[in-house]
Amino acid sequence: MARKISQEKIEEINRLYTDGKGRPLKEIAMRTGVSYFTVWA
């Protein structure tokens, strides 16, 4: 079973995407430590 991502991590991903003016998903995944697919989903 997959682990659930914390609300803080979700907010960080959203912040990096919106404040970063559409920062690449690969970069967001590396910065947050979650998989590319998780960031994409």
PDB file of N, CA and C in Angstrom:
ATOM      1  N   MET A   1       0.840  -1.184   0.000  1.00  0.00           N
ATOM      2  CA  MET A   1       0.000   0.000   0.000  1.00  0.00           C
ATOM      3  C   MET A   1       0.887   1.252   0.000  1.00  0.00           C
ATOM      4  N   ALA A   2       0.509   2.215  -0.777  1.00  0.00           N
ATOM      5  CA  ALA A   2       1.278   3.442  -0.892  1.00  0.00           C
ATOM      6  C   ALA A   2       1.129   4.302   0.361  1.00  0.00           C
ATOM      7  N   ARG A   3       2.212   5.027   0.667  1.00  0.00           N
ATOM      8  CA  ARG A   3       2.162   5.941   1.807  1.00  0.00           C
ATOM      9  C   ARG A   3       1.430   7.214   1.413  1.00  0.00           C
ATOM     10  N   LYS A   4       0.771   7.815   2.397  1.00  0.00           N
ATOM     11  CA  LYS A   4       0.063   9.071   2.163  1.00  0.00           C
ATOM     12  C   LYS A   4       1.045  10.235   2.341  1.00  0.00           C
ATOM     13  N   ILE A   5       0.924  11.208   1.476  1.00  0.00           N
ATOM     14  CA  ILE A   5       1.781  12.392   1.555  1.00  0.00           C
ATOM     15  C   ILE A   5       1.160  13.376   2.528  1.00  0.00           C
ATOM     16  N   SER A   6       2.005  13.975   3.360  1.00  0.00           N
ATOM     17  CA  SER A   6       1.505  14.916   4.357  1.00  0.00           C
ATOM     18  C   SER A   6       0.935  16.165   3.681  1.00  0.00           C
ATOM     19  N   GLN A   7       0.041  16.806   4.374  1.00  0.00           N
ATOM     20  CA  GLN A   7      -0.564  18.041   3.872  1.00  0.00           C
ATOM     21  C   GLN A   7       0.497  19.113   3.652  1.00  0.00           C
ATOM     22  N   GLU A   8       1.515  19.145   4.502  1.00  0.00           N
ATOM     23  CA  GLU A   8       2.594  20.124   4.354  1.00  0.00           C
ATOM     24  C   GLU A   8       3.346  19.914   3.043  1.00  0.00           C
ATOM     25  N   LYS A   9       3.589  18.636   2.695  1.00  0.00           N
ATOM     26  CA  LYS A   9       4.301  18.323   1.454  1.00  0.00           C
ATOM     27  C   LYS A   9       3.457  18.718   0.247  1.00  0.00           C
ATOM     28  N   ILE A  10       2.152  18.472   0.316  1.00  0.00           N
ATOM     29  CA  ILE A  10       1.248  18.858  -0.769  1.00  0.00           C
ATOM     30  C   ILE A  10       1.258  20.368  -0.950  1.00  0.00           C
ATOM     31  N   GLU A  11       1.218  21.095   0.146  1.00  0.00           N
ATOM     32  CA  GLU A  11       1.252  22.560   0.075  1.00  0.00           C
ATOM     33  C   GLU A  11       2.575  23.054  -0.497  1.00  0.00           C
ATOM     34  N   GLU A  12       3.687  22.386  -0.135  1.00  0.00           N
ATOM     35  CA  GLU A  12       4.990  22.775  -0.661  1.00  0.00           C
ATOM     36  C   GLU A  12       5.047  22.549  -2.178  1.00  0.00           C
ATOM     37  N   ILE A  13       4.501  21.430  -2.643  1.00  0.00           N
ATOM     38  CA  ILE A  13       4.463  21.147  -4.083  1.00  0.00           C
ATOM     39  C   ILE A  13       3.637  22.208  -4.794  1.00  0.00           C
ATOM     40  N   ASN A  14       2.469  22.530  -4.262  1.00  0.00           N
ATOM     41  CA  ASN A  14       1.623  23.563  -4.866  1.00  0.00           C
ATOM     42  C   ASN A  14       2.316  24.915  -4.890  1.00  0.00           C
ATOM     43  N   ARG A  15       2.991  25.253  -3.800  1.00  0.00           N
ATOM     44  CA  ARG A  15       3.693  26.535  -3.719  1.00  0.00           C
ATOM     45  C   ARG A  15       4.821  26.600  -4.754  1.00  0.00           C
ATOM     46  N   LEU A  16       5.606  25.525  -4.851  1.00  0.00           N
ATOM     47  CA  LEU A  16       6.698  25.515  -5.822  1.00  0.00           C
ATOM     48  C   LEU A  16       6.178  25.620  -7.247  1.00  0.00           C
ATOM     49  N   TYR A  17       5.036  25.026  -7.515  1.00  0.00           N
ATOM     50  CA  TYR A  17       4.491  25.074  -8.874  1.00  0.00           C
ATOM     51  C   TYR A  17       3.906  26.442  -9.186  1.00  0.00           C
ATOM     52  N   THR A  18       3.091  26.982  -8.276  1.00  0.00           N
ATOM     53  CA  THR A  18       2.425  28.249  -8.577  1.00  0.00           C
ATOM     54  C   THR A  18       3.360  29.444  -8.409  1.00  0.00           C
ATOM     55  N   ASP A  19       4.137  29.483  -7.314  1.00  0.00           N
ATOM     56  CA  ASP A  19       5.045  30.604  -7.105  1.00  0.00           C
ATOM     57  C   ASP A  19       6.242  30.534  -8.041  1.00  0.00           C
ATOM     58  N   GLY A  20       6.565  29.321  -8.486  1.00  0.00           N
ATOM     59  CA  GLY A  20       7.694  29.143  -9.394  1.00  0.00           C
ATOM     60  C   GLY A  20       7.313  29.336 -10.847  1.00  0.00           C
ATOM     61  N   LYS A  21       6.110  29.847 -11.083  1.00  0.00           N
ATOM     62  CA  LYS A  21       5.618  30.123 -12.439  1.00  0.00           C
ATOM     63  C   LYS A  21       5.702  28.873 -13.309  1.00  0.00           C
ATOM     64  N   GLY A  22       5.237  27.743 -12.750  1.00  0.00           N
ATOM     65  CA  GLY A  22       5.218  26.506 -13.527  1.00  0.00           C
ATOM     66  C   GLY A  22       6.561  25.809 -13.558  1.00  0.00           C
ATOM     67  N   ARG A  23       7.261  25.832 -12.444  1.00  0.00           N
ATOM     68  CA  ARG A  23       8.556  25.165 -12.334  1.00  0.00           C
ATOM     69  C   ARG A  23       8.438  23.726 -12.841  1.00  0.00           C
ATOM     70  N   PRO A  24       9.454  23.193 -13.503  1.00  0.00           N
ATOM     71  CA  PRO A  24       9.373  21.828 -14.044  1.00  0.00           C
ATOM     72  C   PRO A  24       9.071  20.795 -12.961  1.00  0.00           C
ATOM     73  N   LEU A  25       8.224  19.830 -13.292  1.00  0.00           N
ATOM     74  CA  LEU A  25       7.821  18.815 -12.322  1.00  0.00           C
ATOM     75  C   LEU A  25       9.005  18.005 -11.824  1.00  0.00           C
ATOM     76  N   LYS A  26       9.974  17.749 -12.687  1.00  0.00           N
ATOM     77  CA  LYS A  26      11.161  17.003 -12.275  1.00  0.00           C
ATOM     78  C   LYS A  26      11.905  17.740 -11.160  1.00  0.00           C
ATOM     79  N   GLU A  27      12.018  19.041 -11.287  1.00  0.00           N
ATOM     80  CA  GLU A  27      12.697  19.845 -10.269  1.00  0.00           C
ATOM     81  C   GLU A  27      11.903  19.848  -8.957  1.00  0.00           C
ATOM     82  N   ILE A  28      10.586  19.962  -9.053  1.00  0.00           N
ATOM     83  CA  ILE A  28       9.752  19.925  -7.851  1.00  0.00           C
ATOM     84  C   ILE A  28       9.909  18.578  -7.144  1.00  0.00           C
ATOM     85  N   ALA A  29       9.920  17.495  -7.923  1.00  0.00           N
ATOM     86  CA  ALA A  29      10.078  16.157  -7.345  1.00  0.00           C
ATOM     87  C   ALA A  29      11.411  16.045  -6.611  1.00  0.00           C
ATOM     88  N   MET A  30      12.479  16.549  -7.204  1.00  0.00           N
ATOM     89  CA  MET A  30      13.788  16.481  -6.552  1.00  0.00           C
ATOM     90  C   MET A  30      13.824  17.329  -5.279  1.00  0.00           C
ATOM     91  N   ARG A  31      13.249  18.507  -5.319  1.00  0.00           N
ATOM     92  CA  ARG A  31      13.272  19.397  -4.150  1.00  0.00           C
ATOM     93  C   ARG A  31      12.438  18.878  -2.985  1.00  0.00           C
ATOM     94  N   THR A  32      11.336  18.191  -3.290  1.00  0.00           N
ATOM     95  CA  THR A  32      10.437  17.743  -2.228  1.00  0.00           C
ATOM     96  C   THR A  32      10.692  16.310  -1.794  1.00  0.00           C
ATOM     97  N   GLY A  33      11.430  15.538  -2.608  1.00  0.00           N
ATOM     98  CA  GLY A  33      11.733  14.167  -2.255  1.00  0.00           C
ATOM     99  C   GLY A  33      10.600  13.188  -2.529  1.00  0.00           C
ATOM    100  N   VAL A  34       9.699  13.551  -3.414  1.00  0.00           N
ATOM    101  CA  VAL A  34       8.616  12.642  -3.809  1.00  0.00           C
ATOM    102  C   VAL A  34       8.838  12.276  -5.273  1.00  0.00           C
ATOM    103  N   SER A  35       8.153  11.239  -5.718  1.00  0.00           N
ATOM    104  CA  SER A  35       8.351  10.777  -7.089  1.00  0.00           C
ATOM    105  C   SER A  35       7.754  11.762  -8.094  1.00  0.00           C
ATOM    106  N   TYR A  36       8.274  11.691  -9.305  1.00  0.00           N
ATOM    107  CA  TYR A  36       7.769  12.525 -10.398  1.00  0.00           C
ATOM    108  C   TYR A  36       6.287  12.272 -10.613  1.00  0.00           C
ATOM    109  N   PHE A  37       5.899  10.989 -10.612  1.00  0.00           N
ATOM    110  CA  PHE A  37       4.506  10.655 -10.841  1.00  0.00           C
ATOM    111  C   PHE A  37       3.606  11.277  -9.764  1.00  0.00           C
ATOM    112  N   THR A  38       4.058  11.276  -8.518  1.00  0.00           N
ATOM    113  CA  THR A  38       3.259  11.850  -7.433  1.00  0.00           C
ATOM    114  C   THR A  38       3.076  13.347  -7.648  1.00  0.00           C
ATOM    115  N   VAL A  39       4.112  14.025  -8.083  1.00  0.00           N
ATOM    116  CA  VAL A  39       4.000  15.462  -8.358  1.00  0.00           C
ATOM    117  C   VAL A  39       3.052  15.681  -9.523  1.00  0.00           C
ATOM    118  N   TRP A  40       3.147  14.857 -10.543  1.00  0.00           N
ATOM    119  CA  TRP A  40       2.295  14.974 -11.729  1.00  0.00           C
ATOM    120  C   TRP A  40       0.828  14.757 -11.380  1.00  0.00           C
ATOM    121  N   ALA A  41       0.579  13.776 -10.509  1.00  0.00           N
ATOM    122  CA  ALA A  41      -0.801  13.436 -10.144  1.00  0.00           C
ATOM    123  C   ALA A  41      -1.330  14.513  -9.241  1.00  0.00           C
TER     124      ALA A  41
END
